[in-house]
PDB file of all heavy atoms in Angstrom:
ATOM      1  N   SER A   1      -8.107 -46.010  16.322  1.00  0.00           N
ATOM      2  CA  SER A   1      -8.827 -46.494  17.495  1.00  0.00           C
ATOM      3  C   SER A   1      -8.776 -45.426  18.584  1.00  0.00           C
ATOM      4  O   SER A   1      -7.981 -44.474  18.506  1.00  0.00           O
ATOM      5  CB  SER A   1      -8.187 -47.786  18.016  1.00  0.00           C
ATOM      6  OG  SER A   1      -6.883 -47.516  18.527  1.00  0.00           O
ATOM      7  N   GLY A   2      -9.613 -45.573  19.578  1.00  0.00           N
ATOM      8  CA  GLY A   2      -9.611 -44.611  20.676  1.00  0.00           C
ATOM      9  C   GLY A   2      -8.260 -44.554  21.376  1.00  0.00           C
ATOM     10  O   GLY A   2      -7.802 -43.483  21.788  1.00  0.00           O
ATOM     11  N   LYS A   3      -7.618 -45.715  21.496  1.00  0.00           N
ATOM     12  CA  LYS A   3      -6.300 -45.774  22.136  1.00  0.00           C
ATOM     13  C   LYS A   3      -5.268 -45.003  21.329  1.00  0.00           C
ATOM     14  O   LYS A   3      -4.452 -44.254  21.876  1.00  0.00           O
ATOM     15  CB  LYS A   3      -5.860 -47.228  22.302  1.00  0.00           C
ATOM     16  CG  LYS A   3      -4.511 -47.399  22.992  1.00  0.00           C
ATOM     17  CD  LYS A   3      -4.156 -48.867  23.135  1.00  0.00           C
ATOM     18  CE  LYS A   3      -2.786 -49.026  23.813  1.00  0.00           C
ATOM     19  NZ  LYS A   3      -2.411 -50.457  23.941  1.00  0.00           N
ATOM     20  N   GLU A   4      -5.301 -45.165  19.997  1.00  0.00           N
ATOM     21  CA  GLU A   4      -4.359 -44.452  19.137  1.00  0.00           C
ATOM     22  C   GLU A   4      -4.596 -42.951  19.178  1.00  0.00           C
ATOM     23  O   GLU A   4      -3.650 -42.153  19.171  1.00  0.00           O
ATOM     24  CB  GLU A   4      -4.478 -44.975  17.702  1.00  0.00           C
ATOM     25  CG  GLU A   4      -3.908 -46.370  17.517  1.00  0.00           C
ATOM     26  CD  GLU A   4      -4.149 -46.913  16.117  1.00  0.00           C
ATOM     27  OE1 GLU A   4      -5.220 -46.616  15.560  1.00  0.00           O
ATOM     28  OE2 GLU A   4      -3.284 -47.623  15.607  1.00  0.00           O
ATOM     29  N   ILE A   5      -5.862 -42.554  19.230  1.00  0.00           N
ATOM     30  CA  ILE A   5      -6.201 -41.127  19.308  1.00  0.00           C
ATOM     31  C   ILE A   5      -5.616 -40.521  20.571  1.00  0.00           C
ATOM     32  O   ILE A   5      -5.043 -39.421  20.555  1.00  0.00           O
ATOM     33  CB  ILE A   5      -7.729 -40.935  19.271  1.00  0.00           C
ATOM     34  CG1 ILE A   5      -8.264 -41.287  17.878  1.00  0.00           C
ATOM     35  CG2 ILE A   5      -8.105 -39.499  19.623  1.00  0.00           C
ATOM     36  CD1 ILE A   5      -9.761 -41.338  17.790  1.00  0.00           C
ATOM     37  N   ALA A   6      -5.736 -41.241  21.695  1.00  0.00           N
ATOM     38  CA  ALA A   6      -5.184 -40.751  22.965  1.00  0.00           C
ATOM     39  C   ALA A   6      -3.663 -40.639  22.869  1.00  0.00           C
ATOM     40  O   ALA A   6      -3.072 -39.667  23.356  1.00  0.00           O
ATOM     41  CB  ALA A   6      -5.585 -41.705  24.094  1.00  0.00           C
ATOM     42  N   GLU A   7      -3.026 -41.625  22.221  1.00  0.00           N
ATOM     43  CA  GLU A   7      -1.570 -41.595  22.061  1.00  0.00           C
ATOM     44  C   GLU A   7      -1.129 -40.411  21.201  1.00  0.00           C
ATOM     45  O   GLU A   7      -0.155 -39.721  21.520  1.00  0.00           O
ATOM     46  CB  GLU A   7      -1.096 -42.899  21.409  1.00  0.00           C
ATOM     47  CG  GLU A   7      -1.237 -44.125  22.298  1.00  0.00           C
ATOM     48  CD  GLU A   7      -0.878 -45.402  21.552  1.00  0.00           C
ATOM     49  OE1 GLU A   7      -0.678 -45.316  20.311  1.00  0.00           O
ATOM     50  OE2 GLU A   7      -0.820 -46.472  22.188  1.00  0.00           O
ATOM     51  N   ILE A   8      -1.859 -40.156  20.121  1.00  0.00           N
ATOM     52  CA  ILE A   8      -1.517 -39.068  19.207  1.00  0.00           C
ATOM     53  C   ILE A   8      -1.672 -37.711  19.886  1.00  0.00           C
ATOM     54  O   ILE A   8      -0.829 -36.828  19.738  1.00  0.00           O
ATOM     55  CB  ILE A   8      -2.405 -39.150  17.944  1.00  0.00           C
ATOM     56  CG1 ILE A   8      -1.964 -40.335  17.092  1.00  0.00           C
ATOM     57  CG2 ILE A   8      -2.346 -37.863  17.140  1.00  0.00           C
ATOM     58  CD1 ILE A   8      -2.911 -40.663  15.965  1.00  0.00           C
ATOM     59  N   LYS A   9      -2.729 -37.546  20.647  1.00  0.00           N
ATOM     60  CA  LYS A   9      -2.934 -36.275  21.353  1.00  0.00           C
ATOM     61  C   LYS A   9      -1.841 -36.045  22.394  1.00  0.00           C
ATOM     62  O   LYS A   9      -1.354 -34.917  22.575  1.00  0.00           O
ATOM     63  CB  LYS A   9      -4.315 -36.256  22.011  1.00  0.00           C
ATOM     64  CG  LYS A   9      -5.444 -36.130  21.005  1.00  0.00           C
ATOM     65  CD  LYS A   9      -6.768 -35.908  21.702  1.00  0.00           C
ATOM     66  CE  LYS A   9      -7.864 -35.614  20.688  1.00  0.00           C
ATOM     67  NZ  LYS A   9      -9.158 -35.332  21.301  1.00  0.00           N
ATOM     68  N   LYS A  10      -1.456 -37.107  23.074  1.00  0.00           N
ATOM     69  CA  LYS A  10      -0.387 -36.996  24.071  1.00  0.00           C
ATOM     70  C   LYS A  10       0.934 -36.653  23.389  1.00  0.00           C
ATOM     71  O   LYS A  10       1.690 -35.798  23.870  1.00  0.00           O
ATOM     72  CB  LYS A  10      -0.256 -38.317  24.833  1.00  0.00           C
ATOM     73  CG  LYS A  10       0.812 -38.284  25.933  1.00  0.00           C
ATOM     74  CD  LYS A  10       0.873 -39.619  26.662  1.00  0.00           C
ATOM     75  CE  LYS A  10       1.961 -39.585  27.738  1.00  0.00           C
ATOM     76  NZ  LYS A  10       2.067 -40.899  28.437  1.00  0.00           N
ATOM     77  N   LEU A  11       1.200 -37.287  22.255  1.00  0.00           N
ATOM     78  CA  LEU A  11       2.428 -37.035  21.500  1.00  0.00           C
ATOM     79  C   LEU A  11       2.468 -35.598  20.998  1.00  0.00           C
ATOM     80  O   LEU A  11       3.504 -34.932  21.051  1.00  0.00           O
ATOM     81  CB  LEU A  11       2.511 -38.014  20.327  1.00  0.00           C
ATOM     82  CG  LEU A  11       3.837 -38.089  19.564  1.00  0.00           C
ATOM     83  CD1 LEU A  11       4.959 -38.527  20.496  1.00  0.00           C
ATOM     84  CD2 LEU A  11       3.709 -39.056  18.404  1.00  0.00           C
ATOM     85  N   HIS A  12       1.331 -35.119  20.519  1.00  0.00           N
ATOM     86  CA  HIS A  12       1.245 -33.743  20.009  1.00  0.00           C
ATOM     87  C   HIS A  12       1.465 -32.722  21.120  1.00  0.00           C
ATOM     88  O   HIS A  12       2.082 -31.674  20.923  1.00  0.00           O
ATOM     89  CB  HIS A  12      -0.125 -33.532  19.360  1.00  0.00           C
ATOM     90  CG  HIS A  12      -0.310 -32.163  18.771  1.00  0.00           C
ATOM     91  ND1 HIS A  12       0.610 -31.590  17.923  1.00  0.00           N
ATOM     92  CD2 HIS A  12      -1.312 -31.261  18.910  1.00  0.00           C
ATOM     93  CE1 HIS A  12       0.178 -30.388  17.549  1.00  0.00           C
ATOM     94  NE2 HIS A  12      -0.967 -30.174  18.151  1.00  0.00           N
ATOM     95  N   LYS A  13       0.982 -33.041  22.309  1.00  0.00           N
ATOM     96  CA  LYS A  13       1.132 -32.148  23.452  1.00  0.00           C
ATOM     97  C   LYS A  13       2.572 -32.125  23.950  1.00  0.00           C
ATOM     98  O   LYS A  13       3.112 -31.069  24.294  1.00  0.00           O
ATOM     99  CB  LYS A  13       0.189 -32.581  24.581  1.00  0.00           C
ATOM    100  CG  LYS A  13       0.200 -31.652  25.786  1.00  0.00           C
ATOM    101  CD  LYS A  13      -0.819 -32.111  26.823  1.00  0.00           C
ATOM    102  CE  LYS A  13      -0.826 -31.178  28.033  1.00  0.00           C
ATOM    103  NZ  LYS A  13      -1.802 -31.632  29.053  1.00  0.00           N
ATOM    104  N   GLU A  14       3.199 -33.290  23.975  1.00  0.00           N
ATOM    105  CA  GLU A  14       4.565 -33.382  24.493  1.00  0.00           C
ATOM    106  C   GLU A  14       5.610 -32.932  23.471  1.00  0.00           C
ATOM    107  O   GLU A  14       6.673 -32.421  23.843  1.00  0.00           O
ATOM    108  CB  GLU A  14       4.850 -34.825  24.938  1.00  0.00           C
ATOM    109  CG  GLU A  14       4.000 -35.276  26.117  1.00  0.00           C
ATOM    110  CD  GLU A  14       4.246 -36.738  26.465  1.00  0.00           C
ATOM    111  OE1 GLU A  14       4.900 -37.439  25.650  1.00  0.00           O
ATOM    112  OE2 GLU A  14       3.791 -37.177  27.543  1.00  0.00           O
ATOM    113  N   GLN A  15       5.318 -33.150  22.178  1.00  0.00           N
ATOM    114  CA  GLN A  15       6.268 -32.783  21.127  1.00  0.00           C
ATOM    115  C   GLN A  15       5.545 -31.993  20.025  1.00  0.00           C
ATOM    116  O   GLN A  15       5.292 -32.497  18.940  1.00  0.00           O
ATOM    117  CB  GLN A  15       6.920 -34.034  20.533  1.00  0.00           C
ATOM    118  CG  GLN A  15       7.643 -34.892  21.552  1.00  0.00           C
ATOM    119  CD  GLN A  15       8.324 -36.081  20.913  1.00  0.00           C
ATOM    120  OE1 GLN A  15       9.060 -35.946  19.937  1.00  0.00           O
ATOM    121  NE2 GLN A  15       8.075 -37.262  21.464  1.00  0.00           N
ATOM    122  N   PRO A  16       5.192 -30.745  20.313  1.00  0.00           N
ATOM    123  CA  PRO A  16       4.404 -29.935  19.376  1.00  0.00           C
ATOM    124  C   PRO A  16       5.079 -29.667  18.041  1.00  0.00           C
ATOM    125  O   PRO A  16       4.421 -29.281  17.078  1.00  0.00           O
ATOM    126  CB  PRO A  16       4.180 -28.628  20.154  1.00  0.00           C
ATOM    127  CG  PRO A  16       5.286 -28.583  21.159  1.00  0.00           C
ATOM    128  CD  PRO A  16       5.523 -30.003  21.543  1.00  0.00           C
ATOM    129  N   LYS A  17       6.392 -29.860  17.963  1.00  0.00           N
ATOM    130  CA  LYS A  17       7.102 -29.598  16.715  1.00  0.00           C
ATOM    131  C   LYS A  17       6.912 -30.711  15.684  1.00  0.00           C
ATOM    132  O   LYS A  17       7.230 -30.540  14.515  1.00  0.00           O
ATOM    133  CB  LYS A  17       8.593 -29.389  16.989  1.00  0.00           C
ATOM    134  CG  LYS A  17       8.901 -28.101  17.747  1.00  0.00           C
ATOM    135  CD  LYS A  17      10.401 -27.881  17.878  1.00  0.00           C
ATOM    136  CE  LYS A  17      10.704 -26.571  18.595  1.00  0.00           C
ATOM    137  NZ  LYS A  17      12.164 -26.338  18.716  1.00  0.00           N
ATOM    138  N   LEU A  18       6.403 -31.847  16.121  1.00  0.00           N
ATOM    139  CA  LEU A  18       6.147 -32.945  15.191  1.00  0.00           C
ATOM    140  C   LEU A  18       4.999 -32.564  14.257  1.00  0.00           C
ATOM    141  O   LEU A  18       3.950 -32.112  14.711  1.00  0.00           O
ATOM    142  CB  LEU A  18       5.788 -34.226  15.951  1.00  0.00           C
ATOM    143  CG  LEU A  18       6.920 -34.938  16.693  1.00  0.00           C
ATOM    144  CD1 LEU A  18       6.369 -36.148  17.433  1.00  0.00           C
ATOM    145  CD2 LEU A  18       8.015 -35.371  15.723  1.00  0.00           C
ATOM    146  N   THR A  19       5.184 -32.730  12.966  1.00  0.00           N
ATOM    147  CA  THR A  19       4.137 -32.396  12.001  1.00  0.00           C
ATOM    148  C   THR A  19       3.137 -33.541  11.877  1.00  0.00           C
ATOM    149  O   THR A  19       3.407 -34.674  12.281  1.00  0.00           O
ATOM    150  CB  THR A  19       4.747 -32.111  10.621  1.00  0.00           C
ATOM    151  OG1 THR A  19       5.329 -33.315  10.114  1.00  0.00           O
ATOM    152  CG2 THR A  19       5.805 -31.021  10.709  1.00  0.00           C
ATOM    153  N   ALA A  20       1.988 -33.215  11.282  1.00  0.00           N
ATOM    154  CA  ALA A  20       0.961 -34.236  11.069  1.00  0.00           C
ATOM    155  C   ALA A  20       1.480 -35.338  10.155  1.00  0.00           C
ATOM    156  O   ALA A  20       1.164 -36.517  10.329  1.00  0.00           O
ATOM    157  CB  ALA A  20      -0.291 -33.593  10.475  1.00  0.00           C
ATOM    158  N   GLU A  21       2.317 -34.949   9.179  1.00  0.00           N
ATOM    159  CA  GLU A  21       2.866 -35.925   8.247  1.00  0.00           C
ATOM    160  C   GLU A  21       3.785 -36.926   8.964  1.00  0.00           C
ATOM    161  O   GLU A  21       3.768 -38.120   8.666  1.00  0.00           O
ATOM    162  CB  GLU A  21       3.649 -35.219   7.138  1.00  0.00           C
ATOM    163  CG  GLU A  21       2.776 -34.501   6.105  1.00  0.00           C
ATOM    164  CD  GLU A  21       2.154 -33.224   6.635  1.00  0.00           C
ATOM    165  OE1 GLU A  21       2.658 -32.695   7.665  1.00  0.00           O
ATOM    166  OE2 GLU A  21       1.172 -32.763   6.044  1.00  0.00           O
ATOM    167  N   MET A  22       4.586 -36.415   9.908  1.00  0.00           N
ATOM    168  CA  MET A  22       5.485 -37.297  10.660  1.00  0.00           C
ATOM    169  C   MET A  22       4.704 -38.344  11.453  1.00  0.00           C
ATOM    170  O   MET A  22       5.037 -39.529  11.457  1.00  0.00           O
ATOM    171  CB  MET A  22       6.352 -36.466  11.613  1.00  0.00           C
ATOM    172  CG  MET A  22       7.343 -35.545  10.936  1.00  0.00           C
ATOM    173  SD  MET A  22       8.243 -34.549  12.145  1.00  0.00           S
ATOM    174  CE  MET A  22       9.256 -33.535  11.058  1.00  0.00           C
ATOM    175  N   ILE A  23       3.679 -37.883  12.131  1.00  0.00           N
ATOM    176  CA  ILE A  23       2.878 -38.796  12.950  1.00  0.00           C
ATOM    177  C   ILE A  23       2.061 -39.727  12.056  1.00  0.00           C
ATOM    178  O   ILE A  23       1.868 -40.901  12.378  1.00  0.00           O
ATOM    179  CB  ILE A  23       1.967 -38.001  13.899  1.00  0.00           C
ATOM    180  CG1 ILE A  23       2.820 -37.148  14.855  1.00  0.00           C
ATOM    181  CG2 ILE A  23       1.060 -38.933  14.693  1.00  0.00           C
ATOM    182  CD1 ILE A  23       2.016 -36.301  15.815  1.00  0.00           C
ATOM    183  N   ALA A  24       1.573 -39.210  10.919  1.00  0.00           N
ATOM    184  CA  ALA A  24       0.788 -40.031   9.991  1.00  0.00           C
ATOM    185  C   ALA A  24       1.607 -41.208   9.484  1.00  0.00           C
ATOM    186  O   ALA A  24       1.096 -42.324   9.355  1.00  0.00           O
ATOM    187  CB  ALA A  24       0.303 -39.174   8.822  1.00  0.00           C
ATOM    188  N   ASN A  25       2.881 -40.964   9.212  1.00  0.00           N
ATOM    189  CA  ASN A  25       3.752 -42.052   8.752  1.00  0.00           C
ATOM    190  C   ASN A  25       3.903 -43.128   9.816  1.00  0.00           C
ATOM    191  O   ASN A  25       3.957 -44.320   9.526  1.00  0.00           O
ATOM    192  CB  ASN A  25       5.131 -41.495   8.382  1.00  0.00           C
ATOM    193  CG  ASN A  25       5.101 -40.704   7.092  1.00  0.00           C
ATOM    194  OD1 ASN A  25       4.195 -40.884   6.281  1.00  0.00           O
ATOM    195  ND2 ASN A  25       6.064 -39.826   6.911  1.00  0.00           N
ATOM    196  N   GLN A  26       3.950 -42.699  11.064  1.00  0.00           N
ATOM    197  CA  GLN A  26       4.115 -43.651  12.167  1.00  0.00           C
ATOM    198  C   GLN A  26       2.890 -44.549  12.311  1.00  0.00           C
ATOM    199  O   GLN A  26       3.009 -45.740  12.614  1.00  0.00           O
ATOM    200  CB  GLN A  26       4.376 -42.888  13.471  1.00  0.00           C
ATOM    201  CG  GLN A  26       4.564 -43.802  14.683  1.00  0.00           C
ATOM    202  CD  GLN A  26       4.859 -43.009  15.944  1.00  0.00           C
ATOM    203  OE1 GLN A  26       5.281 -41.856  15.891  1.00  0.00           O
ATOM    204  NE2 GLN A  26       4.632 -43.622  17.082  1.00  0.00           N
ATOM    205  N   TYR A  27       1.706 -43.958  12.099  1.00  0.00           N
ATOM    206  CA  TYR A  27       0.475 -44.726  12.277  1.00  0.00           C
ATOM    207  C   TYR A  27      -0.109 -45.218  10.947  1.00  0.00           C
ATOM    208  O   TYR A  27      -1.168 -45.835  10.931  1.00  0.00           O
ATOM    209  CB  TYR A  27      -0.570 -43.870  13.009  1.00  0.00           C
ATOM    210  CG  TYR A  27      -0.278 -43.717  14.487  1.00  0.00           C
ATOM    211  CD1 TYR A  27       0.546 -42.690  14.950  1.00  0.00           C
ATOM    212  CD2 TYR A  27      -0.805 -44.607  15.415  1.00  0.00           C
ATOM    213  CE1 TYR A  27       0.830 -42.555  16.301  1.00  0.00           C
ATOM    214  CE2 TYR A  27      -0.536 -44.479  16.765  1.00  0.00           C
ATOM    215  CZ  TYR A  27       0.291 -43.452  17.201  1.00  0.00           C
ATOM    216  OH  TYR A  27       0.556 -43.325  18.544  1.00  0.00           O
ATOM    217  N   SER A  28       0.571 -44.895   9.845  1.00  0.00           N
ATOM    218  CA  SER A  28       0.147 -45.344   8.513  1.00  0.00           C
ATOM    219  C   SER A  28      -1.264 -44.905   8.165  1.00  0.00           C
ATOM    220  O   SER A  28      -2.102 -45.695   7.716  1.00  0.00           O
ATOM    221  CB  SER A  28       0.252 -46.876   8.414  1.00  0.00           C
ATOM    222  OG  SER A  28       1.574 -47.294   8.630  1.00  0.00           O
ATOM    223  N   VAL A  29      -1.538 -43.624   8.415  1.00  0.00           N
ATOM    224  CA  VAL A  29      -2.818 -43.032   8.041  1.00  0.00           C
ATOM    225  C   VAL A  29      -2.532 -41.714   7.347  1.00  0.00           C
ATOM    226  O   VAL A  29      -1.383 -41.284   7.250  1.00  0.00           O
ATOM    227  CB  VAL A  29      -3.731 -42.804   9.270  1.00  0.00           C
ATOM    228  CG1 VAL A  29      -4.132 -44.129   9.889  1.00  0.00           C
ATOM    229  CG2 VAL A  29      -3.048 -41.918  10.296  1.00  0.00           C
ATOM    230  N   SER A  30      -3.570 -41.032   6.864  1.00  0.00           N
ATOM    231  CA  SER A  30      -3.375 -39.757   6.187  1.00  0.00           C
ATOM    232  C   SER A  30      -3.153 -38.641   7.204  1.00  0.00           C
ATOM    233  O   SER A  30      -3.649 -38.688   8.335  1.00  0.00           O
ATOM    234  CB  SER A  30      -4.594 -39.420   5.320  1.00  0.00           C
ATOM    235  OG  SER A  30      -5.723 -39.176   6.127  1.00  0.00           O
ATOM    236  N   ALA A  31      -2.424 -37.606   6.773  1.00  0.00           N
ATOM    237  CA  ALA A  31      -2.169 -36.461   7.643  1.00  0.00           C
ATOM    238  C   ALA A  31      -3.462 -35.725   7.981  1.00  0.00           C
ATOM    239  O   ALA A  31      -3.600 -35.137   9.051  1.00  0.00           O
ATOM    240  CB  ALA A  31      -1.175 -35.511   6.968  1.00  0.00           C
ATOM    241  N   SER A  32      -4.430 -35.755   7.056  1.00  0.00           N
ATOM    242  CA  SER A  32      -5.718 -35.111   7.305  1.00  0.00           C
ATOM    243  C   SER A  32      -6.407 -35.720   8.519  1.00  0.00           C
ATOM    244  O   SER A  32      -7.008 -35.021   9.341  1.00  0.00           O
ATOM    245  CB  SER A  32      -6.628 -35.248   6.081  1.00  0.00           C
ATOM    246  OG  SER A  32      -6.125 -34.538   4.993  1.00  0.00           O
ATOM    247  N   LEU A  33      -6.318 -37.035   8.640  1.00  0.00           N
ATOM    248  CA  LEU A  33      -6.936 -37.724   9.769  1.00  0.00           C
ATOM    249  C   LEU A  33      -6.251 -37.327  11.067  1.00  0.00           C
ATOM    250  O   LEU A  33      -6.909 -37.148  12.100  1.00  0.00           O
ATOM    251  CB  LEU A  33      -6.850 -39.245   9.554  1.00  0.00           C
ATOM    252  CG  LEU A  33      -7.644 -40.121  10.524  1.00  0.00           C
ATOM    253  CD1 LEU A  33      -9.108 -39.758  10.481  1.00  0.00           C
ATOM    254  CD2 LEU A  33      -7.452 -41.580  10.186  1.00  0.00           C
ATOM    255  N   ILE A  34      -4.927 -37.163  11.036  1.00  0.00           N
ATOM    256  CA  ILE A  34      -4.192 -36.750  12.229  1.00  0.00           C
ATOM    257  C   ILE A  34      -4.598 -35.342  12.644  1.00  0.00           C
ATOM    258  O   ILE A  34      -4.868 -35.071  13.816  1.00  0.00           O
ATOM    259  CB  ILE A  34      -2.668 -36.799  11.976  1.00  0.00           C
ATOM    260  CG1 ILE A  34      -2.213 -38.237  11.677  1.00  0.00           C
ATOM    261  CG2 ILE A  34      -1.899 -36.230  13.171  1.00  0.00           C
ATOM    262  CD1 ILE A  34      -2.406 -39.206  12.798  1.00  0.00           C
ATOM    263  N   ARG A  35      -4.681 -34.436  11.672  1.00  0.00           N
ATOM    264  CA  ARG A  35      -5.075 -33.048  11.979  1.00  0.00           C
ATOM    265  C   ARG A  35      -6.470 -32.985  12.562  1.00  0.00           C
ATOM    266  O   ARG A  35      -6.761 -32.193  13.450  1.00  0.00           O
ATOM    267  CB  ARG A  35      -5.001 -32.188  10.713  1.00  0.00           C
ATOM    268  CG  ARG A  35      -3.576 -31.943  10.221  1.00  0.00           C
ATOM    269  CD  ARG A  35      -3.549 -30.819   9.202  1.00  0.00           C
ATOM    270  NE  ARG A  35      -2.228 -30.685   8.624  1.00  0.00           N
ATOM    271  CZ  ARG A  35      -1.857 -31.245   7.473  1.00  0.00           C
ATOM    272  NH1 ARG A  35      -2.728 -31.959   6.788  1.00  0.00           N
ATOM    273  NH2 ARG A  35      -0.632 -31.073   7.008  1.00  0.00           N
ATOM    274  N   GLN A  36      -7.342 -33.828  12.069  1.00  0.00           N
ATOM    275  CA  GLN A  36      -8.717 -33.848  12.566  1.00  0.00           C
ATOM    276  C   GLN A  36      -8.746 -34.272  14.036  1.00  0.00           C
ATOM    277  O   GLN A  36      -9.541 -33.743  14.827  1.00  0.00           O
ATOM    278  CB  GLN A  36      -9.558 -34.800  11.726  1.00  0.00           C
ATOM    279  CG  GLN A  36     -11.039 -34.811  12.103  1.00  0.00           C
ATOM    280  CD  GLN A  36     -11.869 -35.588  11.114  1.00  0.00           C
ATOM    281  OE1 GLN A  36     -11.686 -35.479   9.909  1.00  0.00           O
ATOM    282  NE2 GLN A  36     -12.774 -36.404  11.610  1.00  0.00           N
ATOM    283  N   GLU A  37      -7.862 -35.191  14.430  1.00  0.00           N
ATOM    284  CA  GLU A  37      -7.830 -35.641  15.817  1.00  0.00           C
ATOM    285  C   GLU A  37      -7.154 -34.614  16.723  1.00  0.00           C
ATOM    286  O   GLU A  37      -7.415 -34.578  17.917  1.00  0.00           O
ATOM    287  CB  GLU A  37      -7.101 -36.983  15.923  1.00  0.00           C
ATOM    288  CG  GLU A  37      -7.738 -38.114  15.133  1.00  0.00           C
ATOM    289  CD  GLU A  37      -9.198 -38.318  15.484  1.00  0.00           C
ATOM    290  OE1 GLU A  37      -9.595 -37.937  16.590  1.00  0.00           O
ATOM    291  OE2 GLU A  37      -9.942 -38.831  14.643  1.00  0.00           O
TER     292      GLU A  37
END
């Protein structure tokens, strides 16, 4: 959702060391989708 996208971008900015796989597990989506956002 748009809200989740905003949360993910904020998380990536604040904690750049987090991998796409780590965040994908949190939101239960594929890492490819996280990288795309």
